[in-house]
Amino acid sequence: MTFLAVGLQTAPQSQVEDARDVKFDQLAPVVVIEVSRHPLSALETFSIYPYFAQAGGRRHLAARRAINMRGGQRVSWAVISECPGAQEVVLELERLPAPAIDIPGFGRDDEQGPGTDGGSFKLWSRGPTWPTAYGYEVAFESNFGSPLADWANRFKATLADCWQPDPPRTMGSS
């Protein structure tokens, strides 16, 4: 009898927690979005950083980390203000509705449909606000067809032609 050993590849692990701590020029990201199309597919994280450009003024930078099935990463960069339509899409994030909290047996009792094929969209942000208070962080996750998924797909499509292999020069760069 002959046995054949087949190496199974596992999906990359969620990177949101790690990406929250990846600094750019000593600055932490203010938003991290993770996109996984399928549980066994590559993973992408997008981080948004505020920074000060050498030319002066505050700008926002997006970092894209593509993580393949073997755990290898490729990082690319886009200056949001230099990418047509990107500032508008980022601004939409401030109006993105958060999911409603539904406690079974109380209130409206939302009925949820079955999950889709395992794709997920995760959002994490530092320093959210309420009209009268400051929050510390917010995070939520959804699948396809949600406002978060729709926004993440617009963000990704808008920046598609803007990615560069190197980050921009900042006031702290030499």
Foldseek 3Di string as FASTA:
>chain_A
DDDDDDDDFFEDDDCPVVQQPDDDLNWGFFKKKKWDQARQFKIKIKTKTWAAAPVGDIWIKIWIWIAGSVGDTAIWIFTQVVFPPSVVLVVVVLVFDDDDDDDPPDDPRDDDDDAPRHIKMKMKGAWDDDPVGIDGMDMDMDHPPGSRNVSVVVNCVSCVPGIDRDYHHGPSHD
